[in-house]
Amino acid sequence: MKKLVIALVSVLVAGFIPTLALADGDAAAGQAKSALCGSCHGADGNSPLAMNPKLAGQNASYLVKQLQDFKAGNRPGQTMAAMVLALSDQDMEDIAAFYASQDATLGGADPATAELAESLYRAGNADLSIVACSACHSPTGQGNAPAGFPALSGQHAEYTLMQLKDFRSGTRANDASSMMRTVVERLTDNELEALASYVSGLN
């Protein structure tokens, strides 16, 4: 019962967050504009390096916000800040539309931690008042584009873990209403590692 209550509460909380305008980009134009991005993120957005995020299949609205945040200095990252400096809003929307149209490749969860991760992802932790990840990121990890919540399915475990730890430490703070920081501040390293591994194969 507690698990159900947590999941329902999290859905209600998400419903009160103002929805973001969906990106209105041209995927064909974005493919041409993304040539330089491909050196780190892969030509189709499936980065070959675990430290660089996969962009393929990511919600366009989320991608646009992250690019804007890098440009405005609201998200740390010197390399990305330099890369987006010359991009216009239309460029960002086009690039986001291209990557959103691509299919992300899947990884595989560590069987040793899959049970723990699945419990946290789908039900949260009632004792710690932690809501289910699935409430915002969907049961299949596809996220919620209108609300600006990112897709997690197939993302490199190493990259996801780095972001979770950055949210927990406050190094990254561009989450709406501190939602991510509030959730991960009470999770252990083992739990974060389990979740990062789990979502890499989630679909």
C-alpha atoms as a PDB file:
ATOM      1  CA  MET A   1       0.000   0.000   0.000  1.00  0.00           C
ATOM      2  CA  LYS A   2       2.823   2.376   0.886  1.00  0.00           C
ATOM      3  CA  LYS A   3       4.401   1.786  -2.522  1.00  0.00           C
ATOM      4  CA  LEU A   4       1.145   2.640  -4.246  1.00  0.00           C
ATOM      5  CA  VAL A   5       0.735   5.829  -2.219  1.00  0.00           C
ATOM      6  CA  ILE A   6       4.264   6.961  -3.060  1.00  0.00           C
ATOM      7  CA  ALA A   7       3.742   6.346  -6.763  1.00  0.00           C
ATOM      8  CA  LEU A   8       0.414   8.213  -6.759  1.00  0.00           C
ATOM      9  CA  VAL A   9       1.804  11.155  -4.810  1.00  0.00           C
ATOM     10  CA  SER A  10       4.726  11.454  -7.186  1.00  0.00           C
ATOM     11  CA  VAL A  11       2.396  11.521 -10.178  1.00  0.00           C
ATOM     12  CA  LEU A  12       0.354  14.260  -8.561  1.00  0.00           C
ATOM     13  CA  VAL A  13       3.473  16.277  -7.780  1.00  0.00           C
ATOM     14  CA  ALA A  14       4.622  15.948 -11.375  1.00  0.00           C
ATOM     15  CA  GLY A  15       1.214  17.132 -12.536  1.00  0.00           C
ATOM     16  CA  PHE A  16       1.616  20.441 -10.761  1.00  0.00           C
ATOM     17  CA  ILE A  17       4.871  21.253 -12.536  1.00  0.00           C
ATOM     18  CA  PRO A  18       4.334  23.670 -15.405  1.00  0.00           C
ATOM     19  CA  THR A  19       4.782  21.856 -18.687  1.00  0.00           C
ATOM     20  CA  LEU A  20       7.505  22.980 -21.035  1.00  0.00           C
ATOM     21  CA  ALA A  21       6.826  24.005 -24.585  1.00  0.00           C
ATOM     22  CA  LEU A  22       7.722  21.179 -26.907  1.00  0.00           C
ATOM     23  CA  ALA A  23      10.657  21.826 -29.178  1.00  0.00           C
ATOM     24  CA  ASP A  24       9.650  22.745 -32.725  1.00  0.00           C
ATOM     25  CA  GLY A  25      12.691  21.771 -34.711  1.00  0.00           C
ATOM     26  CA  ASP A  26      13.559  20.398 -38.142  1.00  0.00           C
ATOM     27  CA  ALA A  27      15.221  16.998 -37.786  1.00  0.00           C
ATOM     28  CA  ALA A  28      16.769  17.102 -41.265  1.00  0.00           C
ATOM     29  CA  ALA A  29      18.336  20.488 -40.579  1.00  0.00           C
ATOM     30  CA  GLY A  30      19.389  19.247 -37.169  1.00  0.00           C
ATOM     31  CA  GLN A  31      21.273  16.320 -38.649  1.00  0.00           C
ATOM     32  CA  ALA A  32      23.453  18.688 -40.648  1.00  0.00           C
ATOM     33  CA  LYS A  33      23.964  20.974 -37.659  1.00  0.00           C
ATOM     34  CA  SER A  34      24.888  18.064 -35.378  1.00  0.00           C
ATOM     35  CA  ALA A  35      28.033  17.039 -37.273  1.00  0.00           C
ATOM     36  CA  LEU A  36      30.362  18.423 -34.601  1.00  0.00           C
ATOM     37  CA  CYS A  37      28.215  16.977 -31.803  1.00  0.00           C
ATOM     38  CA  GLY A  38      28.767  13.532 -33.290  1.00  0.00           C
ATOM     39  CA  SER A  39      32.448  13.541 -32.363  1.00  0.00           C
ATOM     40  CA  CYS A  40      31.455  13.002 -28.721  1.00  0.00           C
ATOM     41  CA  HIS A  41      27.868  11.755 -28.902  1.00  0.00           C
ATOM     42  CA  GLY A  42      28.027   9.559 -31.998  1.00  0.00           C
ATOM     43  CA  ALA A  43      26.655  10.308 -35.454  1.00  0.00           C
ATOM     44  CA  ASP A  44      23.204   9.009 -34.489  1.00  0.00           C
ATOM     45  CA  GLY A  45      23.383  10.095 -30.855  1.00  0.00           C
ATOM     46  CA  ASN A  46      24.535   6.736 -29.495  1.00  0.00           C
ATOM     47  CA  SER A  47      27.765   7.791 -27.872  1.00  0.00           C
ATOM     48  CA  PRO A  48      30.491   5.133 -27.981  1.00  0.00           C
ATOM     49  CA  LEU A  49      32.047   6.537 -24.790  1.00  0.00           C
ATOM     50  CA  ALA A  50      30.299   5.830 -21.485  1.00  0.00           C
ATOM     51  CA  MET A  51      31.273   9.214 -20.056  1.00  0.00           C
ATOM     52  CA  ASN A  52      29.390  11.022 -22.841  1.00  0.00           C
ATOM     53  CA  PRO A  53      25.606  10.752 -22.810  1.00  0.00           C
ATOM     54  CA  LYS A  54      23.562   9.088 -25.481  1.00  0.00           C
ATOM     55  CA  LEU A  55      21.276  11.666 -27.071  1.00  0.00           C
ATOM     56  CA  ALA A  56      19.420   9.283 -29.375  1.00  0.00           C
ATOM     57  CA  GLY A  57      15.762   8.992 -28.445  1.00  0.00           C
ATOM     58  CA  GLN A  58      15.973  11.731 -25.848  1.00  0.00           C
ATOM     59  CA  ASN A  59      12.967  14.011 -25.503  1.00  0.00           C
ATOM     60  CA  ALA A  60      13.513  17.102 -27.660  1.00  0.00           C
ATOM     61  CA  SER A  61      12.135  19.487 -25.049  1.00  0.00           C
ATOM     62  CA  TYR A  62      14.621  18.171 -22.494  1.00  0.00           C
ATOM     63  CA  LEU A  63      17.528  18.466 -24.923  1.00  0.00           C
ATOM     64  CA  VAL A  64      16.641  22.061 -25.757  1.00  0.00           C
ATOM     65  CA  LYS A  65      16.527  22.985 -22.068  1.00  0.00           C
ATOM     66  CA  GLN A  66      19.918  21.396 -21.402  1.00  0.00           C
ATOM     67  CA  LEU A  67      21.502  23.224 -24.339  1.00  0.00           C
ATOM     68  CA  GLN A  68      19.996  26.483 -23.123  1.00  0.00           C
ATOM     69  CA  ASP A  69      21.194  25.791 -19.585  1.00  0.00           C
ATOM     70  CA  PHE A  70      24.751  25.119 -20.774  1.00  0.00           C
ATOM     71  CA  LYS A  71      24.719  28.351 -22.775  1.00  0.00           C
ATOM     72  CA  ALA A  72      23.324  30.369 -19.867  1.00  0.00           C
ATOM     73  CA  GLY A  73      25.709  28.812 -17.357  1.00  0.00           C
ATOM     74  CA  ASN A  74      22.911  27.167 -15.404  1.00  0.00           C
ATOM     75  CA  ARG A  75      24.456  23.721 -15.927  1.00  0.00           C
ATOM     76  CA  PRO A  76      28.196  23.231 -15.403  1.00  0.00           C
ATOM     77  CA  GLY A  77      30.339  21.891 -18.235  1.00  0.00           C
ATOM     78  CA  GLN A  78      33.086  23.913 -19.894  1.00  0.00           C
ATOM     79  CA  THR A  79      33.212  21.772 -23.025  1.00  0.00           C
ATOM     80  CA  MET A  80      29.485  21.948 -23.621  1.00  0.00           C
ATOM     81  CA  ALA A  81      29.352  25.650 -22.779  1.00  0.00           C
ATOM     82  CA  ALA A  82      31.893  26.295 -25.519  1.00  0.00           C
ATOM     83  CA  MET A  83      30.099  24.013 -27.986  1.00  0.00           C
ATOM     84  CA  VAL A  84      26.718  25.728 -27.636  1.00  0.00           C
ATOM     85  CA  LEU A  85      27.984  29.297 -27.512  1.00  0.00           C
ATOM     86  CA  ALA A  86      27.261  29.999 -31.179  1.00  0.00           C
ATOM     87  CA  LEU A  87      23.999  28.047 -31.361  1.00  0.00           C
ATOM     88  CA  SER A  88      20.752  29.952 -31.840  1.00  0.00           C
ATOM     89  CA  ASP A  89      17.487  28.794 -30.297  1.00  0.00           C
ATOM     90  CA  GLN A  90      16.468  27.437 -33.702  1.00  0.00           C
ATOM     91  CA  ASP A  91      19.750  25.525 -33.994  1.00  0.00           C
ATOM     92  CA  MET A  92      19.087  23.944 -30.620  1.00  0.00           C
ATOM     93  CA  GLU A  93      15.562  22.957 -31.573  1.00  0.00           C
ATOM     94  CA  ASP A  94      16.735  21.464 -34.870  1.00  0.00           C
ATOM     95  CA  ILE A  95      19.525  19.454 -33.254  1.00  0.00           C
ATOM     96  CA  ALA A  96      17.171  18.278 -30.513  1.00  0.00           C
ATOM     97  CA  ALA A  97      14.590  17.199 -33.088  1.00  0.00           C
ATOM     98  CA  PHE A  98      17.206  15.154 -34.931  1.00  0.00           C
ATOM     99  CA  TYR A  99      18.435  13.298 -31.864  1.00  0.00           C
ATOM    100  CA  ALA A 100      14.889  12.740 -30.626  1.00  0.00           C
ATOM    101  CA  SER A 101      14.104  10.989 -33.917  1.00  0.00           C
ATOM    102  CA  GLN A 102      16.894   8.445 -33.463  1.00  0.00           C
ATOM    103  CA  ASP A 103      16.695   5.103 -31.624  1.00  0.00           C
ATOM    104  CA  ALA A 104      18.800   4.618 -28.531  1.00  0.00           C
ATOM    105  CA  THR A 105      20.732   1.390 -28.142  1.00  0.00           C
ATOM    106  CA  LEU A 106      20.183  -0.556 -24.930  1.00  0.00           C
ATOM    107  CA  GLY A 107      22.696  -1.745 -22.378  1.00  0.00           C
ATOM    108  CA  GLY A 108      22.134  -4.381 -19.719  1.00  0.00           C
ATOM    109  CA  ALA A 109      21.493  -4.146 -15.988  1.00  0.00           C
ATOM    110  CA  ASP A 110      23.737  -5.860 -13.461  1.00  0.00           C
ATOM    111  CA  PRO A 111      21.736  -8.912 -12.308  1.00  0.00           C
ATOM    112  CA  ALA A 112      23.227  -8.593  -8.823  1.00  0.00           C
ATOM    113  CA  THR A 113      21.590  -5.216  -8.223  1.00  0.00           C
ATOM    114  CA  ALA A 114      18.565  -5.418 -10.526  1.00  0.00           C
ATOM    115  CA  GLU A 115      16.093  -6.321  -7.767  1.00  0.00           C
ATOM    116  CA  LEU A 116      17.126  -3.397  -5.565  1.00  0.00           C
ATOM    117  CA  ALA A 117      17.084  -0.998  -8.502  1.00  0.00           C
ATOM    118  CA  GLU A 118      13.714  -2.152  -9.777  1.00  0.00           C
ATOM    119  CA  SER A 119      12.181  -1.649  -6.341  1.00  0.00           C
ATOM    120  CA  LEU A 120      13.528   1.897  -6.090  1.00  0.00           C
ATOM    121  CA  TYR A 121      12.662   2.756  -9.688  1.00  0.00           C
ATOM    122  CA  ARG A 122       9.101   1.467  -9.569  1.00  0.00           C
ATOM    123  CA  ALA A 123       8.106   1.996  -5.937  1.00  0.00           C
ATOM    124  CA  GLY A 124      10.564   4.390  -4.313  1.00  0.00           C
ATOM    125  CA  ASN A 125      11.264   4.035  -0.597  1.00  0.00           C
ATOM    126  CA  ALA A 126       8.398   4.757   1.785  1.00  0.00           C
ATOM    127  CA  ASP A 127      10.632   4.802   4.863  1.00  0.00           C
ATOM    128  CA  LEU A 128      12.749   7.604   3.368  1.00  0.00           C
ATOM    129  CA  SER A 129       9.809   9.338   1.632  1.00  0.00           C
ATOM    130  CA  ILE A 130      11.480   8.798  -1.735  1.00  0.00           C
ATOM    131  CA  VAL A 131       9.089   8.732  -4.683  1.00  0.00           C
ATOM    132  CA  ALA A 132       9.292   6.238  -7.517  1.00  0.00           C
ATOM    133  CA  CYS A 133      11.556   7.195 -10.416  1.00  0.00           C
ATOM    134  CA  SER A 134       8.946   5.790 -12.785  1.00  0.00           C
ATOM    135  CA  ALA A 135       6.470   8.508 -11.811  1.00  0.00           C
ATOM    136  CA  CYS A 136       8.465  11.094 -13.763  1.00  0.00           C
ATOM    137  CA  HIS A 137      10.586   8.980 -16.095  1.00  0.00           C
ATOM    138  CA  SER A 138       7.807   6.466 -16.972  1.00  0.00           C
ATOM    139  CA  PRO A 139       7.785   2.714 -16.270  1.00  0.00           C
ATOM    140  CA  THR A 140       9.713   2.073 -19.495  1.00  0.00           C
ATOM    141  CA  GLY A 141      12.212   4.889 -18.980  1.00  0.00           C
ATOM    142  CA  GLN A 142      10.867   7.040 -21.827  1.00  0.00           C
ATOM    143  CA  GLY A 143      10.443  10.101 -19.624  1.00  0.00           C
ATOM    144  CA  ASN A 144       7.704  12.696 -19.987  1.00  0.00           C
ATOM    145  CA  ALA A 145       8.351  15.098 -22.858  1.00  0.00           C
ATOM    146  CA  PRO A 146       5.585  17.651 -22.087  1.00  0.00           C
ATOM    147  CA  ALA A 147       6.809  17.959 -18.492  1.00  0.00           C
ATOM    148  CA  GLY A 148      10.456  18.081 -19.565  1.00  0.00           C
ATOM    149  CA  PHE A 149      11.450  14.869 -17.767  1.00  0.00           C
ATOM    150  CA  PRO A 150      14.210  13.039 -19.656  1.00  0.00           C
ATOM    151  CA  ALA A 151      14.212   9.558 -21.083  1.00  0.00           C
ATOM    152  CA  LEU A 152      16.609   7.265 -19.217  1.00  0.00           C
ATOM    153  CA  SER A 153      16.233   4.064 -21.218  1.00  0.00           C
ATOM    154  CA  GLY A 154      19.541   2.881 -22.671  1.00  0.00           C
ATOM    155  CA  GLN A 155      21.640   5.655 -21.157  1.00  0.00           C
ATOM    156  CA  HIS A 156      25.225   4.747 -20.255  1.00  0.00           C
ATOM    157  CA  ALA A 157      25.347   3.625 -16.617  1.00  0.00           C
ATOM    158  CA  GLU A 158      28.579   5.545 -16.038  1.00  0.00           C
ATOM    159  CA  TYR A 159      27.068   8.796 -17.293  1.00  0.00           C
ATOM    160  CA  THR A 160      23.823   8.332 -15.354  1.00  0.00           C
ATOM    161  CA  LEU A 161      25.731   7.617 -12.144  1.00  0.00           C
ATOM    162  CA  MET A 162      27.818  10.742 -12.614  1.00  0.00           C
ATOM    163  CA  GLN A 163      24.674  12.864 -12.999  1.00  0.00           C
ATOM    164  CA  LEU A 164      22.995  11.297  -9.957  1.00  0.00           C
ATOM    165  CA  LYS A 165      26.056  12.011  -7.830  1.00  0.00           C
ATOM    166  CA  ASP A 166      26.273  15.568  -9.180  1.00  0.00           C
ATOM    167  CA  PHE A 167      22.636  16.159  -8.229  1.00  0.00           C
ATOM    168  CA  ARG A 168      23.275  14.703  -4.777  1.00  0.00           C
ATOM    169  CA  SER A 169      26.314  16.919  -4.190  1.00  0.00           C
ATOM    170  CA  GLY A 170      24.621  19.985  -5.657  1.00  0.00           C
ATOM    171  CA  THR A 171      27.241  20.308  -8.404  1.00  0.00           C
ATOM    172  CA  ARG A 172      24.357  20.055 -10.826  1.00  0.00           C
ATOM    173  CA  ALA A 173      21.331  22.119  -9.858  1.00  0.00           C
ATOM    174  CA  ASN A 174      19.275  22.748 -12.990  1.00  0.00           C
ATOM    175  CA  ASP A 175      16.449  20.419 -11.965  1.00  0.00           C
ATOM    176  CA  ALA A 176      13.005  22.002 -11.646  1.00  0.00           C
ATOM    177  CA  SER A 177      12.004  22.656  -8.022  1.00  0.00           C
ATOM    178  CA  SER A 178      15.097  20.719  -6.846  1.00  0.00           C
ATOM    179  CA  MET A 179      13.231  17.497  -7.587  1.00  0.00           C
ATOM    180  CA  MET A 180      16.246  15.360  -8.434  1.00  0.00           C
ATOM    181  CA  ARG A 181      18.354  16.761  -5.621  1.00  0.00           C
ATOM    182  CA  THR A 182      15.592  16.035  -3.123  1.00  0.00           C
ATOM    183  CA  VAL A 183      15.254  12.419  -4.282  1.00  0.00           C
ATOM    184  CA  VAL A 184      18.915  11.430  -4.494  1.00  0.00           C
ATOM    185  CA  GLU A 185      20.160  13.193  -1.361  1.00  0.00           C
ATOM    186  CA  ARG A 186      19.000  10.213   0.726  1.00  0.00           C
ATOM    187  CA  LEU A 187      20.278   7.457  -1.551  1.00  0.00           C
ATOM    188  CA  THR A 188      23.544   5.602  -0.967  1.00  0.00           C
ATOM    189  CA  ASP A 189      26.309   5.084  -3.511  1.00  0.00           C
ATOM    190  CA  ASN A 190      25.228   1.450  -3.889  1.00  0.00           C
ATOM    191  CA  GLU A 191      21.644   2.481  -4.607  1.00  0.00           C
ATOM    192  CA  LEU A 192      22.715   5.084  -7.157  1.00  0.00           C
ATOM    193  CA  GLU A 193      24.978   2.552  -8.878  1.00  0.00           C
ATOM    194  CA  ALA A 194      22.125   0.048  -8.992  1.00  0.00           C
ATOM    195  CA  LEU A 195      19.729   2.571 -10.517  1.00  0.00           C
ATOM    196  CA  ALA A 196      22.271   3.724 -13.100  1.00  0.00           C
ATOM    197  CA  SER A 197      22.853   0.135 -14.177  1.00  0.00           C
ATOM    198  CA  TYR A 198      19.132  -0.654 -14.220  1.00  0.00           C
ATOM    199  CA  VAL A 199      18.083   2.172 -16.532  1.00  0.00           C
ATOM    200  CA  SER A 200      20.791   1.324 -19.061  1.00  0.00           C
ATOM    201  CA  GLY A 201      18.749  -1.725 -20.025  1.00  0.00           C
ATOM    202  CA  LEU A 202      15.286  -0.401 -19.248  1.00  0.00           C
ATOM    203  CA  ASN A 203      12.765  -0.439 -22.093  1.00  0.00           C
END
